Protein backbone atom coordinates (compact mmCIF):
# COMPACT_ATOMS: atom_id res chain seq x y z
CA MET A 1 -9.03 -18.35 -43.36
CA SER A 2 -10.06 -15.51 -45.64
CA ILE A 3 -10.14 -11.86 -44.75
CA ARG A 4 -13.83 -11.79 -45.62
CA PHE A 5 -14.56 -14.61 -43.13
CA CYS A 6 -12.61 -12.78 -40.39
CA PHE A 7 -14.46 -9.55 -41.11
CA LEU A 8 -17.87 -11.25 -41.03
CA THR A 9 -17.01 -13.01 -37.77
CA LEU A 10 -15.95 -9.73 -36.18
CA LEU A 11 -19.08 -7.99 -37.44
CA ALA A 12 -21.27 -10.77 -36.02
CA CYS A 13 -19.61 -10.41 -32.60
CA CYS A 14 -20.28 -6.68 -32.61
CA LEU A 15 -23.93 -7.25 -33.42
CA VAL A 16 -24.37 -9.88 -30.71
CA VAL A 17 -22.90 -7.66 -27.96
CA PRO A 18 -23.93 -4.06 -28.57
CA PRO A 19 -21.50 -1.33 -27.43
CA GLN A 20 -24.05 0.00 -24.91
CA ALA A 21 -24.03 -3.32 -23.06
CA ARG A 22 -20.24 -3.36 -22.83
CA ALA A 23 -20.12 0.27 -21.67
CA SER A 24 -22.77 -0.35 -19.02
CA ASP A 25 -20.73 -3.25 -17.62
CA ALA A 26 -18.05 -0.72 -16.68
CA GLU A 27 -20.57 1.50 -14.88
CA ASN A 28 -22.07 1.25 -11.40
CA PRO A 29 -24.85 3.90 -11.29
CA SER A 30 -25.93 2.90 -7.78
CA CYS A 31 -22.60 4.23 -6.45
CA ARG A 32 -23.14 7.77 -7.75
CA LYS A 33 -26.67 7.76 -6.28
CA ASP A 34 -25.61 6.38 -2.88
CA PRO A 35 -26.79 8.80 -0.15
CA ARG A 36 -23.45 8.38 1.67
CA VAL A 37 -21.52 10.15 -1.14
CA ILE A 38 -20.36 13.44 0.41
CA ALA A 39 -18.43 15.09 -2.44
CA ALA A 40 -17.94 14.99 -6.21
CA CYS A 41 -16.70 11.71 -7.64
CA TYR A 42 -13.20 11.81 -9.14
CA THR A 43 -11.03 9.55 -11.28
CA VAL A 44 -7.77 7.97 -10.15
CA HIS A 45 -5.30 5.71 -11.95
CA GLY A 46 -4.59 2.80 -9.68
CA ARG A 47 -4.55 -0.85 -8.74
CA LEU A 48 -7.65 -2.47 -7.22
CA SER A 49 -6.97 -5.59 -5.18
CA ASN A 50 -8.02 -7.52 -2.08
CA TRP A 51 -6.19 -6.99 1.21
CA ASN A 52 -6.34 -8.49 4.68
CA GLY A 53 -8.25 -6.15 6.96
CA ASN A 54 -11.17 -3.81 6.59
CA PRO A 55 -12.01 -2.74 3.99
CA THR A 56 -10.81 -5.74 2.00
CA GLN A 57 -11.04 -4.13 -1.45
CA ARG A 58 -8.67 -1.19 -1.86
CA ILE A 59 -7.33 0.99 -4.63
CA TRP A 60 -3.70 2.04 -4.46
CA ILE A 61 -3.32 5.30 -6.38
CA ILE A 62 -0.27 4.63 -8.54
CA GLY A 63 2.61 7.02 -7.88
CA THR A 64 1.43 7.86 -4.36
CA LYS A 65 1.29 6.31 -0.90
CA ARG A 66 -2.50 6.76 -0.81
CA MET A 67 -5.04 3.96 -0.57
CA LEU A 68 -8.78 4.25 -1.12
CA GLY A 69 -11.04 1.75 0.64
CA LEU A 70 -14.22 0.33 -0.88
CA ARG A 71 -17.10 -0.23 1.51
CA VAL A 72 -18.06 -3.88 1.94
CA ASP A 73 -21.76 -3.13 1.36
CA THR A 74 -21.18 -1.54 -2.08
CA SER A 75 -20.90 -3.26 -5.44
CA LEU A 76 -18.35 -2.95 -8.23
CA PRO A 77 -19.13 -2.38 -11.90
CA LYS A 78 -20.27 -5.70 -13.46
CA ALA A 79 -17.04 -5.92 -15.48
CA LEU A 80 -15.12 -6.34 -12.19
CA GLU A 81 -17.59 -8.15 -9.92
CA ASP A 82 -16.27 -11.67 -10.52
CA LYS A 83 -12.65 -10.68 -11.17
CA LEU A 84 -11.60 -10.16 -7.56
CA GLY A 85 -12.69 -13.43 -6.00
CA ASN A 86 -9.26 -14.12 -4.55
CA PHE A 87 -6.15 -12.36 -3.32
CA GLU A 88 -4.04 -13.11 -6.41
CA ASP A 89 -5.98 -10.98 -8.93
CA GLU A 90 -5.42 -7.26 -9.38
CA VAL A 91 -7.11 -4.73 -11.66
CA TYR A 92 -5.09 -1.83 -13.06
CA GLY A 93 -7.05 1.02 -14.60
CA ASP A 94 -8.84 4.32 -14.19
CA PHE A 95 -11.43 4.22 -11.43
CA GLU A 96 -14.17 6.78 -10.81
CA PHE A 97 -14.26 6.93 -7.01
CA CYS A 98 -17.16 8.47 -5.05
CA PRO A 99 -16.12 9.36 -1.47
CA PHE A 100 -18.09 8.57 1.67
CA THR A 101 -15.46 10.24 3.88
CA HIS A 102 -13.32 13.37 3.58
CA GLN A 103 -9.65 13.24 2.58
CA LYS A 104 -7.38 13.38 5.63
CA PRO A 105 -3.60 12.91 5.66
CA GLY A 106 -2.63 9.44 6.89
CA ILE A 107 -6.21 8.13 6.86
CA MET A 108 -7.72 5.90 4.17
CA GLN A 109 -10.60 7.58 2.37
CA VAL A 110 -13.61 5.28 1.97
CA GLY A 111 -16.20 5.16 -0.80
CA CYS A 112 -17.36 3.21 -3.85
CA VAL A 113 -16.40 2.73 -7.51
CA ALA A 114 -18.86 4.30 -9.98
CA ALA A 115 -16.98 3.31 -13.15
CA VAL A 116 -13.82 1.74 -14.50
CA SER A 117 -12.07 2.31 -17.82
CA GLY A 118 -8.87 1.25 -19.55
CA TYR A 119 -8.47 -1.65 -17.17
CA GLN A 120 -6.35 -4.80 -17.22
CA ILE A 121 -6.70 -7.78 -14.94
CA LYS A 122 -3.46 -9.38 -13.81
CA THR A 123 -2.53 -12.24 -11.50
CA ARG A 124 0.15 -11.57 -8.91
CA GLU A 125 3.35 -13.50 -9.36
CA GLN A 126 3.82 -16.15 -6.68
CA HIS A 127 7.22 -16.08 -4.96
């Protein structure tokens, strides 16, 4: 395969999927506009995964003992919507979290995810 062919193939892919479409897949504008948001949204580096209990979808903030809960009636950015269909998949990345509740020690803060960046999807190892 020639370098020219590789370059043209890459260029064609970029033209088929414009950068704006990819960027918008990582955004969830409805979260920021949700009337239940009570404070400024903030970004955390963590692991999003499914858990038993309520809320099912939670973000563990890496390096802490804190968990953020995602309300069942909210959506994720399109890039993540179909990635968490089971309990084996996890998403590591930077999440923009918009809170519906205040931070309180020992209590899970609840809200929604407005955006995700720098993410990787991994499958948990089965023991």
